[in-house]
Full PDB file with SEQRES, HELIX, SHEET, SSBOND, CRYST1, ORIGX, SCALE, CONECT and MASTER records, all heavy atoms in Angstrom:
SEQRES   1 A   33  PHE LEU ASP VAL HIS LEU MET ILE SER ARG PRO ASP ARG          
SEQRES   2 A   33  LEU LEU ASP SER PHE ILE GLU SER GLY ALA ASP LEU ILE          
SEQRES   3 A   33  ASN VAL HIS VAL GLU GLU CYS                                  
HELIX    1 AA1 PRO A   11  LEU A   14  5                                   4    
HELIX    2 AA2 LEU A   15  GLU A   20  1                                   6    
HELIX    3 AA3 VAL A   30  GLU A   32  5                                   3    
SHEET    1 AA1 2 ASP A   3  LEU A   6  0                                        
SHEET    2 AA1 2 LEU A  25  VAL A  28  1                                        
CRYST1    1.000    1.000    1.000  90.00  90.00  90.00 P 1           1          
ORIGX1      1.000000  0.000000  0.000000        0.00000                         
ORIGX2      0.000000  1.000000  0.000000        0.00000                         
ORIGX3      0.000000  0.000000  1.000000        0.00000                         
SCALE1      1.000000  0.000000  0.000000        0.00000                         
SCALE2      0.000000  1.000000  0.000000        0.00000                         
SCALE3      0.000000  0.000000  1.000000        0.00000                         
ATOM      1  N   PHE A   1     -40.156 -67.089 -41.582  1.00  0.00           N  
ATOM      2  CA  PHE A   1     -40.098 -65.665 -41.258  1.00  0.00           C  
ATOM      3  C   PHE A   1     -38.891 -65.434 -40.350  1.00  0.00           C  
ATOM      4  O   PHE A   1     -38.728 -66.117 -39.338  1.00  0.00           O  
ATOM      5  CB  PHE A   1     -41.396 -65.295 -40.538  1.00  0.00           C  
ATOM      6  CG  PHE A   1     -41.578 -63.842 -40.263  1.00  0.00           C  
ATOM      7  CD1 PHE A   1     -42.229 -63.029 -41.165  1.00  0.00           C  
ATOM      8  CD2 PHE A   1     -41.105 -63.288 -39.081  1.00  0.00           C  
ATOM      9  CE1 PHE A   1     -42.406 -61.678 -40.905  1.00  0.00           C  
ATOM     10  CE2 PHE A   1     -41.277 -61.946 -38.810  1.00  0.00           C  
ATOM     11  CZ  PHE A   1     -41.934 -61.136 -39.731  1.00  0.00           C  
ATOM     12  N   LEU A   2     -38.028 -64.482 -40.706  1.00  0.00           N  
ATOM     13  CA  LEU A   2     -36.820 -64.218 -39.921  1.00  0.00           C  
ATOM     14  C   LEU A   2     -37.007 -62.991 -39.031  1.00  0.00           C  
ATOM     15  O   LEU A   2     -37.088 -61.862 -39.511  1.00  0.00           O  
ATOM     16  CB  LEU A   2     -35.601 -64.010 -40.826  1.00  0.00           C  
ATOM     17  CG  LEU A   2     -35.162 -65.203 -41.662  1.00  0.00           C  
ATOM     18  CD1 LEU A   2     -33.902 -64.865 -42.448  1.00  0.00           C  
ATOM     19  CD2 LEU A   2     -34.944 -66.432 -40.802  1.00  0.00           C  
ATOM     20  N   ASP A   3     -37.058 -63.241 -37.736  1.00  0.00           N  
ATOM     21  CA  ASP A   3     -37.147 -62.210 -36.699  1.00  0.00           C  
ATOM     22  C   ASP A   3     -35.716 -61.952 -36.227  1.00  0.00           C  
ATOM     23  O   ASP A   3     -35.140 -62.756 -35.510  1.00  0.00           O  
ATOM     24  CB  ASP A   3     -38.038 -62.733 -35.567  1.00  0.00           C  
ATOM     25  CG  ASP A   3     -37.905 -61.980 -34.258  1.00  0.00           C  
ATOM     26  OD1 ASP A   3     -37.355 -60.862 -34.244  1.00  0.00           O  
ATOM     27  OD2 ASP A   3     -38.359 -62.525 -33.236  1.00  0.00           O  
ATOM     28  N   VAL A   4     -35.139 -60.829 -36.669  1.00  0.00           N  
ATOM     29  CA  VAL A   4     -33.745 -60.526 -36.367  1.00  0.00           C  
ATOM     30  C   VAL A   4     -33.691 -59.537 -35.204  1.00  0.00           C  
ATOM     31  O   VAL A   4     -34.116 -58.390 -35.322  1.00  0.00           O  
ATOM     32  CB  VAL A   4     -33.021 -59.981 -37.617  1.00  0.00           C  
ATOM     33  CG1 VAL A   4     -31.598 -59.578 -37.282  1.00  0.00           C  
ATOM     34  CG2 VAL A   4     -33.033 -61.042 -38.727  1.00  0.00           C  
ATOM     35  N   HIS A   5     -33.187 -60.016 -34.087  1.00  0.00           N  
ATOM     36  CA  HIS A   5     -33.142 -59.280 -32.820  1.00  0.00           C  
ATOM     37  C   HIS A   5     -31.764 -58.647 -32.668  1.00  0.00           C  
ATOM     38  O   HIS A   5     -30.786 -59.324 -32.372  1.00  0.00           O  
ATOM     39  CB  HIS A   5     -33.439 -60.256 -31.684  1.00  0.00           C  
ATOM     40  CG  HIS A   5     -33.409 -59.655 -30.333  1.00  0.00           C  
ATOM     41  ND1 HIS A   5     -33.383 -60.426 -29.194  1.00  0.00           N  
ATOM     42  CD2 HIS A   5     -33.407 -58.370 -29.896  1.00  0.00           C  
ATOM     43  CE1 HIS A   5     -33.361 -59.648 -28.126  1.00  0.00           C  
ATOM     44  NE2 HIS A   5     -33.366 -58.388 -28.538  1.00  0.00           N  
ATOM     45  N   LEU A   6     -31.698 -57.332 -32.868  1.00  0.00           N  
ATOM     46  CA  LEU A   6     -30.436 -56.605 -32.826  1.00  0.00           C  
ATOM     47  C   LEU A   6     -30.091 -56.181 -31.405  1.00  0.00           C  
ATOM     48  O   LEU A   6     -30.579 -55.166 -30.913  1.00  0.00           O  
ATOM     49  CB  LEU A   6     -30.491 -55.379 -33.746  1.00  0.00           C  
ATOM     50  CG  LEU A   6     -30.778 -55.649 -35.214  1.00  0.00           C  
ATOM     51  CD1 LEU A   6     -30.763 -54.342 -35.999  1.00  0.00           C  
ATOM     52  CD2 LEU A   6     -29.797 -56.656 -35.798  1.00  0.00           C  
ATOM     53  N   MET A   7     -29.260 -56.953 -30.753  1.00  0.00           N  
ATOM     54  CA  MET A   7     -28.727 -56.586 -29.443  1.00  0.00           C  
ATOM     55  C   MET A   7     -27.364 -55.952 -29.680  1.00  0.00           C  
ATOM     56  O   MET A   7     -26.320 -56.490 -29.318  1.00  0.00           O  
ATOM     57  CB  MET A   7     -28.627 -57.825 -28.547  1.00  0.00           C  
ATOM     58  CG  MET A   7     -29.975 -58.359 -28.125  1.00  0.00           C  
ATOM     59  SD  MET A   7     -29.823 -59.804 -27.065  1.00  0.00           S  
ATOM     60  CE  MET A   7     -29.786 -61.081 -28.314  1.00  0.00           C  
ATOM     61  N   ILE A   8     -27.413 -54.797 -30.352  1.00  0.00           N  
ATOM     62  CA  ILE A   8     -26.185 -54.132 -30.771  1.00  0.00           C  
ATOM     63  C   ILE A   8     -26.236 -52.649 -30.412  1.00  0.00           C  
ATOM     64  O   ILE A   8     -27.304 -52.055 -30.312  1.00  0.00           O  
ATOM     65  CB  ILE A   8     -25.925 -54.301 -32.281  1.00  0.00           C  
ATOM     66  CG1 ILE A   8     -27.011 -53.651 -33.128  1.00  0.00           C  
ATOM     67  CG2 ILE A   8     -25.792 -55.777 -32.632  1.00  0.00           C  
ATOM     68  CD1 ILE A   8     -26.747 -53.678 -34.615  1.00  0.00           C  
ATOM     69  N   SER A   9     -25.078 -52.077 -30.252  1.00  0.00           N  
ATOM     70  CA  SER A   9     -24.943 -50.656 -29.990  1.00  0.00           C  
ATOM     71  C   SER A   9     -25.216 -49.872 -31.277  1.00  0.00           C  
ATOM     72  O   SER A   9     -24.763 -50.266 -32.356  1.00  0.00           O  
ATOM     73  CB  SER A   9     -23.521 -50.376 -29.489  1.00  0.00           C  
ATOM     74  OG  SER A   9     -23.335 -49.016 -29.268  1.00  0.00           O  
ATOM     75  N   ARG A  10     -25.968 -48.815 -31.164  1.00  0.00           N  
ATOM     76  CA  ARG A  10     -26.278 -47.924 -32.287  1.00  0.00           C  
ATOM     77  C   ARG A  10     -26.747 -48.698 -33.530  1.00  0.00           C  
ATOM     78  O   ARG A  10     -26.099 -48.674 -34.584  1.00  0.00           O  
ATOM     79  CB  ARG A  10     -25.074 -47.049 -32.605  1.00  0.00           C  
ATOM     80  CG  ARG A  10     -24.663 -46.173 -31.448  1.00  0.00           C  
ATOM     81  CD  ARG A  10     -23.435 -45.285 -31.665  1.00  0.00           C  
ATOM     82  NE  ARG A  10     -22.956 -45.159 -33.007  1.00  0.00           N  
ATOM     83  CZ  ARG A  10     -21.742 -45.571 -33.430  1.00  0.00           C  
ATOM     84  NH1 ARG A  10     -20.896 -46.120 -32.588  1.00  0.00           N  
ATOM     85  NH2 ARG A  10     -21.377 -45.402 -34.684  1.00  0.00           N  
ATOM     86  N   PRO A  11     -27.881 -49.378 -33.444  1.00  0.00           N  
ATOM     87  CA  PRO A  11     -28.323 -50.212 -34.565  1.00  0.00           C  
ATOM     88  C   PRO A  11     -28.615 -49.437 -35.849  1.00  0.00           C  
ATOM     89  O   PRO A  11     -28.517 -50.010 -36.937  1.00  0.00           O  
ATOM     90  CB  PRO A  11     -29.595 -50.880 -34.033  1.00  0.00           C  
ATOM     91  CG  PRO A  11     -30.069 -49.991 -32.952  1.00  0.00           C  
ATOM     92  CD  PRO A  11     -28.840 -49.391 -32.339  1.00  0.00           C  
ATOM     93  N   ASP A  12     -28.908 -48.153 -35.743  1.00  0.00           N  
ATOM     94  CA  ASP A  12     -29.221 -47.378 -36.948  1.00  0.00           C  
ATOM     95  C   ASP A  12     -28.115 -47.448 -37.994  1.00  0.00           C  
ATOM     96  O   ASP A  12     -28.378 -47.469 -39.186  1.00  0.00           O  
ATOM     97  CB  ASP A  12     -29.489 -45.909 -36.591  1.00  0.00           C  
ATOM     98  CG  ASP A  12     -30.765 -45.730 -35.815  1.00  0.00           C  
ATOM     99  OD1 ASP A  12     -31.813 -46.224 -36.279  1.00  0.00           O  
ATOM    100  OD2 ASP A  12     -30.730 -45.102 -34.749  1.00  0.00           O  
ATOM    101  N   ARG A  13     -26.878 -47.510 -37.543  1.00  0.00           N  
ATOM    102  CA  ARG A  13     -25.749 -47.496 -38.472  1.00  0.00           C  
ATOM    103  C   ARG A  13     -25.657 -48.764 -39.307  1.00  0.00           C  
ATOM    104  O   ARG A  13     -25.008 -48.781 -40.364  1.00  0.00           O  
ATOM    105  CB  ARG A  13     -24.437 -47.264 -37.710  1.00  0.00           C  
ATOM    106  CG  ARG A  13     -24.092 -48.367 -36.753  1.00  0.00           C  
ATOM    107  CD  ARG A  13     -22.961 -47.990 -35.775  1.00  0.00           C  
ATOM    108  NE  ARG A  13     -22.955 -48.915 -34.682  1.00  0.00           N  
ATOM    109  CZ  ARG A  13     -22.326 -50.091 -34.694  1.00  0.00           C  
ATOM    110  NH1 ARG A  13     -21.612 -50.439 -35.727  1.00  0.00           N  
ATOM    111  NH2 ARG A  13     -22.395 -50.891 -33.654  1.00  0.00           N  
ATOM    112  N   LEU A  14     -26.333 -49.834 -38.877  1.00  0.00           N  
ATOM    113  CA  LEU A  14     -26.246 -51.120 -39.582  1.00  0.00           C  
ATOM    114  C   LEU A  14     -27.590 -51.609 -40.125  1.00  0.00           C  
ATOM    115  O   LEU A  14     -27.661 -52.733 -40.638  1.00  0.00           O  
ATOM    116  CB  LEU A  14     -25.656 -52.181 -38.655  1.00  0.00           C  
ATOM    117  CG  LEU A  14     -24.227 -51.928 -38.185  1.00  0.00           C  
ATOM    118  CD1 LEU A  14     -23.821 -52.924 -37.121  1.00  0.00           C  
ATOM    119  CD2 LEU A  14     -23.267 -51.965 -39.354  1.00  0.00           C  
ATOM    120  N   LEU A  15     -28.626 -50.811 -40.020  1.00  0.00           N  
ATOM    121  CA  LEU A  15     -29.952 -51.266 -40.443  1.00  0.00           C  
ATOM    122  C   LEU A  15     -29.973 -51.763 -41.882  1.00  0.00           C  
ATOM    123  O   LEU A  15     -30.542 -52.815 -42.172  1.00  0.00           O  
ATOM    124  CB  LEU A  15     -30.994 -50.162 -40.256  1.00  0.00           C  
ATOM    125  CG  LEU A  15     -31.421 -49.876 -38.829  1.00  0.00           C  
ATOM    126  CD1 LEU A  15     -32.387 -48.700 -38.804  1.00  0.00           C  
ATOM    127  CD2 LEU A  15     -32.027 -51.094 -38.160  1.00  0.00           C  
ATOM    128  N   ASP A  16     -29.377 -50.995 -42.781  1.00  0.00           N  
ATOM    129  CA  ASP A  16     -29.417 -51.391 -44.193  1.00  0.00           C  
ATOM    130  C   ASP A  16     -28.831 -52.776 -44.426  1.00  0.00           C  
ATOM    131  O   ASP A  16     -29.378 -53.565 -45.194  1.00  0.00           O  
ATOM    132  CB  ASP A  16     -28.702 -50.358 -45.067  1.00  0.00           C  
ATOM    133  CG  ASP A  16     -29.489 -49.067 -45.210  1.00  0.00           C  
ATOM    134  OD1 ASP A  16     -30.734 -49.106 -45.143  1.00  0.00           O  
ATOM    135  OD2 ASP A  16     -28.855 -48.011 -45.375  1.00  0.00           O  
ATOM    136  N   SER A  17     -27.735 -53.085 -43.759  1.00  0.00           N  
ATOM    137  CA  SER A  17     -27.118 -54.395 -43.979  1.00  0.00           C  
ATOM    138  C   SER A  17     -28.006 -55.532 -43.476  1.00  0.00           C  
ATOM    139  O   SER A  17     -28.053 -56.602 -44.092  1.00  0.00           O  
ATOM    140  CB  SER A  17     -25.731 -54.465 -43.350  1.00  0.00           C  
ATOM    141  OG  SER A  17     -25.797 -54.267 -41.962  1.00  0.00           O  
ATOM    142  N   PHE A  18     -28.736 -55.299 -42.385  1.00  0.00           N  
ATOM    143  CA  PHE A  18     -29.646 -56.341 -41.891  1.00  0.00           C  
ATOM    144  C   PHE A  18     -30.898 -56.433 -42.750  1.00  0.00           C  
ATOM    145  O   PHE A  18     -31.416 -57.529 -42.983  1.00  0.00           O  
ATOM    146  CB  PHE A  18     -29.986 -56.111 -40.419  1.00  0.00           C  
ATOM    147  CG  PHE A  18     -28.847 -56.460 -39.506  1.00  0.00           C  
ATOM    148  CD1 PHE A  18     -28.057 -55.477 -38.958  1.00  0.00           C  
ATOM    149  CD2 PHE A  18     -28.539 -57.778 -39.232  1.00  0.00           C  
ATOM    150  CE1 PHE A  18     -26.979 -55.790 -38.143  1.00  0.00           C  
ATOM    151  CE2 PHE A  18     -27.469 -58.117 -38.428  1.00  0.00           C  
ATOM    152  CZ  PHE A  18     -26.683 -57.118 -37.882  1.00  0.00           C  
ATOM    153  N   ILE A  19     -31.367 -55.319 -43.243  1.00  0.00           N  
ATOM    154  CA  ILE A  19     -32.524 -55.324 -44.146  1.00  0.00           C  
ATOM    155  C   ILE A  19     -32.171 -56.079 -45.422  1.00  0.00           C  
ATOM    156  O   ILE A  19     -32.924 -56.947 -45.877  1.00  0.00           O  
ATOM    157  CB  ILE A  19     -32.978 -53.875 -44.427  1.00  0.00           C  
ATOM    158  CG1 ILE A  19     -33.610 -53.280 -43.166  1.00  0.00           C  
ATOM    159  CG2 ILE A  19     -33.925 -53.812 -45.618  1.00  0.00           C  
ATOM    160  CD1 ILE A  19     -33.768 -51.775 -43.170  1.00  0.00           C  
ATOM    161  N   GLU A  20     -31.021 -55.777 -45.988  1.00  0.00           N  
ATOM    162  CA  GLU A  20     -30.578 -56.416 -47.233  1.00  0.00           C  
ATOM    163  C   GLU A  20     -30.244 -57.893 -47.052  1.00  0.00           C  
ATOM    164  O   GLU A  20     -30.272 -58.661 -48.019  1.00  0.00           O  
ATOM    165  CB  GLU A  20     -29.373 -55.663 -47.802  1.00  0.00           C  
ATOM    166  CG  GLU A  20     -29.721 -54.268 -48.266  1.00  0.00           C  
ATOM    167  CD  GLU A  20     -28.513 -53.375 -48.482  1.00  0.00           C  
ATOM    168  OE1 GLU A  20     -27.355 -53.862 -48.406  1.00  0.00           O  
ATOM    169  OE2 GLU A  20     -28.717 -52.164 -48.714  1.00  0.00           O  
ATOM    170  N   SER A  21     -29.942 -58.311 -45.830  1.00  0.00           N  
ATOM    171  CA  SER A  21     -29.576 -59.706 -45.580  1.00  0.00           C  
ATOM    172  C   SER A  21     -30.755 -60.661 -45.704  1.00  0.00           C  
ATOM    173  O   SER A  21     -30.558 -61.866 -45.810  1.00  0.00           O  
ATOM    174  CB  SER A  21     -28.954 -59.853 -44.188  1.00  0.00           C  
ATOM    175  OG  SER A  21     -29.944 -59.718 -43.182  1.00  0.00           O  
ATOM    176  N   GLY A  22     -31.977 -60.123 -45.664  1.00  0.00           N  
ATOM    177  CA  GLY A  22     -33.151 -60.978 -45.797  1.00  0.00           C  
ATOM    178  C   GLY A  22     -34.014 -61.066 -44.559  1.00  0.00           C  
ATOM    179  O   GLY A  22     -34.940 -61.872 -44.509  1.00  0.00           O  
ATOM    180  N   ALA A  23     -33.752 -60.240 -43.557  1.00  0.00           N  
ATOM    181  CA  ALA A  23     -34.604 -60.207 -42.366  1.00  0.00           C  
ATOM    182  C   ALA A  23     -36.023 -59.809 -42.764  1.00  0.00           C  
ATOM    183  O   ALA A  23     -36.208 -58.957 -43.637  1.00  0.00           O  
ATOM    184  CB  ALA A  23     -34.052 -59.204 -41.356  1.00  0.00           C  
ATOM    185  N   ASP A  24     -37.006 -60.432 -42.140  1.00  0.00           N  
ATOM    186  CA  ASP A  24     -38.402 -60.042 -42.357  1.00  0.00           C  
ATOM    187  C   ASP A  24     -38.850 -59.020 -41.335  1.00  0.00           C  
ATOM    188  O   ASP A  24     -39.717 -58.188 -41.610  1.00  0.00           O  
ATOM    189  CB  ASP A  24     -39.315 -61.271 -42.273  1.00  0.00           C  
ATOM    190  CG  ASP A  24     -39.046 -62.239 -43.407  1.00  0.00           C  
ATOM    191  OD1 ASP A  24     -39.162 -61.818 -44.578  1.00  0.00           O  
ATOM    192  OD2 ASP A  24     -38.702 -63.399 -43.127  1.00  0.00           O  
ATOM    193  N   LEU A  25     -38.269 -59.101 -40.154  1.00  0.00           N  
ATOM    194  CA  LEU A  25     -38.594 -58.202 -39.056  1.00  0.00           C  
ATOM    195  C   LEU A  25     -37.287 -57.779 -38.404  1.00  0.00           C  
ATOM    196  O   LEU A  25     -36.409 -58.610 -38.180  1.00  0.00           O  
ATOM    197  CB  LEU A  25     -39.489 -58.914 -38.038  1.00  0.00           C  
ATOM    198  CG  LEU A  25     -39.856 -58.145 -36.772  1.00  0.00           C  
ATOM    199  CD1 LEU A  25     -41.294 -58.445 -36.373  1.00  0.00           C  
ATOM    200  CD2 LEU A  25     -38.926 -58.476 -35.627  1.00  0.00           C  
ATOM    201  N   ILE A  26     -37.168 -56.491 -38.140  1.00  0.00           N  
ATOM    202  CA  ILE A  26     -35.993 -55.964 -37.448  1.00  0.00           C  
ATOM    203  C   ILE A  26     -36.436 -55.548 -36.053  1.00  0.00           C  
ATOM    204  O   ILE A  26     -37.354 -54.734 -35.896  1.00  0.00           O  
ATOM    205  CB  ILE A  26     -35.376 -54.748 -38.180  1.00  0.00           C  
ATOM    206  CG1 ILE A  26     -35.058 -55.078 -39.629  1.00  0.00           C  
ATOM    207  CG2 ILE A  26     -34.170 -54.220 -37.411  1.00  0.00           C  
ATOM    208  CD1 ILE A  26     -33.890 -55.995 -39.840  1.00  0.00           C  
ATOM    209  N   ASN A  27     -35.774 -56.106 -35.064  1.00  0.00           N  
ATOM    210  CA  ASN A  27     -36.125 -55.912 -33.661  1.00  0.00           C  
ATOM    211  C   ASN A  27     -35.000 -55.125 -32.997  1.00  0.00           C  
ATOM    212  O   ASN A  27     -33.880 -55.609 -32.894  1.00  0.00           O  
ATOM    213  CB  ASN A  27     -36.260 -57.313 -33.043  1.00  0.00           C  
ATOM    214  CG  ASN A  27     -36.870 -57.313 -31.687  1.00  0.00           C  
ATOM    215  OD1 ASN A  27     -36.874 -56.309 -30.991  1.00  0.00           O  
ATOM    216  ND2 ASN A  27     -37.369 -58.467 -31.297  1.00  0.00           N  
ATOM    217  N   VAL A  28     -35.291 -53.873 -32.592  1.00  0.00           N  
ATOM    218  CA  VAL A  28     -34.276 -53.015 -31.984  1.00  0.00           C  
ATOM    219  C   VAL A  28     -34.589 -52.794 -30.505  1.00  0.00           C  
ATOM    220  O   VAL A  28     -35.740 -52.869 -30.089  1.00  0.00           O  
ATOM    221  CB  VAL A  28     -34.165 -51.649 -32.707  1.00  0.00           C  
ATOM    222  CG1 VAL A  28     -33.690 -51.827 -34.134  1.00  0.00           C  
ATOM    223  CG2 VAL A  28     -35.478 -50.885 -32.665  1.00  0.00           C  
ATOM    224  N   HIS A  29     -33.554 -52.514 -29.736  1.00  0.00           N  
ATOM    225  CA  HIS A  29     -33.725 -52.228 -28.311  1.00  0.00           C  
ATOM    226  C   HIS A  29     -33.969 -50.748 -28.104  1.00  0.00           C  
ATOM    227  O   HIS A  29     -33.205 -49.913 -28.610  1.00  0.00           O  
ATOM    228  CB  HIS A  29     -32.490 -52.674 -27.515  1.00  0.00           C  
ATOM    229  CG  HIS A  29     -32.585 -54.084 -27.070  1.00  0.00           C  
ATOM    230  ND1 HIS A  29     -33.001 -54.437 -25.817  1.00  0.00           N  
ATOM    231  CD2 HIS A  29     -32.356 -55.229 -27.740  1.00  0.00           C  
ATOM    232  CE1 HIS A  29     -33.013 -55.754 -25.718  1.00  0.00           C  
ATOM    233  NE2 HIS A  29     -32.628 -56.259 -26.877  1.00  0.00           N  
ATOM    234  N   VAL A  30     -35.016 -50.433 -27.354  1.00  0.00           N  
ATOM    235  CA  VAL A  30     -35.336 -49.044 -27.054  1.00  0.00           C  
ATOM    236  C   VAL A  30     -34.158 -48.362 -26.362  1.00  0.00           C  
ATOM    237  O   VAL A  30     -33.914 -47.169 -26.571  1.00  0.00           O  
ATOM    238  CB  VAL A  30     -36.632 -48.942 -26.209  1.00  0.00           C  
ATOM    239  CG1 VAL A  30     -36.458 -49.579 -24.845  1.00  0.00           C  
ATOM    240  CG2 VAL A  30     -37.078 -47.499 -26.047  1.00  0.00           C  
ATOM    241  N   GLU A  31     -33.386 -49.110 -25.596  1.00  0.00           N  
ATOM    242  CA  GLU A  31     -32.259 -48.552 -24.846  1.00  0.00           C  
ATOM    243  C   GLU A  31     -31.155 -48.019 -25.770  1.00  0.00           C  
ATOM    244  O   GLU A  31     -30.336 -47.215 -25.349  1.00  0.00           O  
ATOM    245  CB  GLU A  31     -31.664 -49.605 -23.899  1.00  0.00           C  
ATOM    246  CG  GLU A  31     -32.620 -50.152 -22.879  1.00  0.00           C  
ATOM    247  CD  GLU A  31     -33.438 -51.340 -23.374  1.00  0.00           C  
ATOM    248  OE1 GLU A  31     -33.264 -51.778 -24.536  1.00  0.00           O  
ATOM    249  OE2 GLU A  31     -34.276 -51.825 -22.600  1.00  0.00           O  
ATOM    250  N   GLU A  32     -31.124 -48.469 -27.013  1.00  0.00           N  
ATOM    251  CA  GLU A  32     -30.062 -48.080 -27.947  1.00  0.00           C  
ATOM    252  C   GLU A  32     -30.545 -47.174 -29.078  1.00  0.00           C  
ATOM    253  O   GLU A  32     -29.776 -46.907 -29.998  1.00  0.00           O  
ATOM    254  CB  GLU A  32     -29.406 -49.325 -28.552  1.00  0.00           C  
ATOM    255  CG  GLU A  32     -28.410 -49.971 -27.639  1.00  0.00           C  
ATOM    256  CD  GLU A  32     -27.193 -49.092 -27.358  1.00  0.00           C  
ATOM    257  OE1 GLU A  32     -26.657 -48.454 -28.287  1.00  0.00           O  
ATOM    258  OE2 GLU A  32     -26.778 -49.042 -26.187  1.00  0.00           O  
ATOM    259  N   CYS A  33     -31.787 -46.741 -29.028  1.00  0.00           N  
ATOM    260  CA  CYS A  33     -32.339 -45.923 -30.119  1.00  0.00           C  
ATOM    261  C   CYS A  33     -32.848 -44.591 -29.573  1.00  0.00           C  
ATOM    262  O   CYS A  33     -34.013 -44.491 -29.164  1.00  0.00           O  
ATOM    263  CB  CYS A  33     -33.466 -46.664 -30.822  1.00  0.00           C  
ATOM    264  SG  CYS A  33     -32.921 -48.132 -31.707  1.00  0.00           S  
TER     265      CYS A  33                                                      
MASTER        0    0    0    3    2    0    0    6  264    1    0    3          
END                                                                             
């Protein structure tokens, strides 16, 4: 199971690429959303 922890600025702009990469779980920071 791939838990992908996005410590990135404005993660919404890249969600599709991480979803398509094979992540099972997308982990976003409340501070950036």
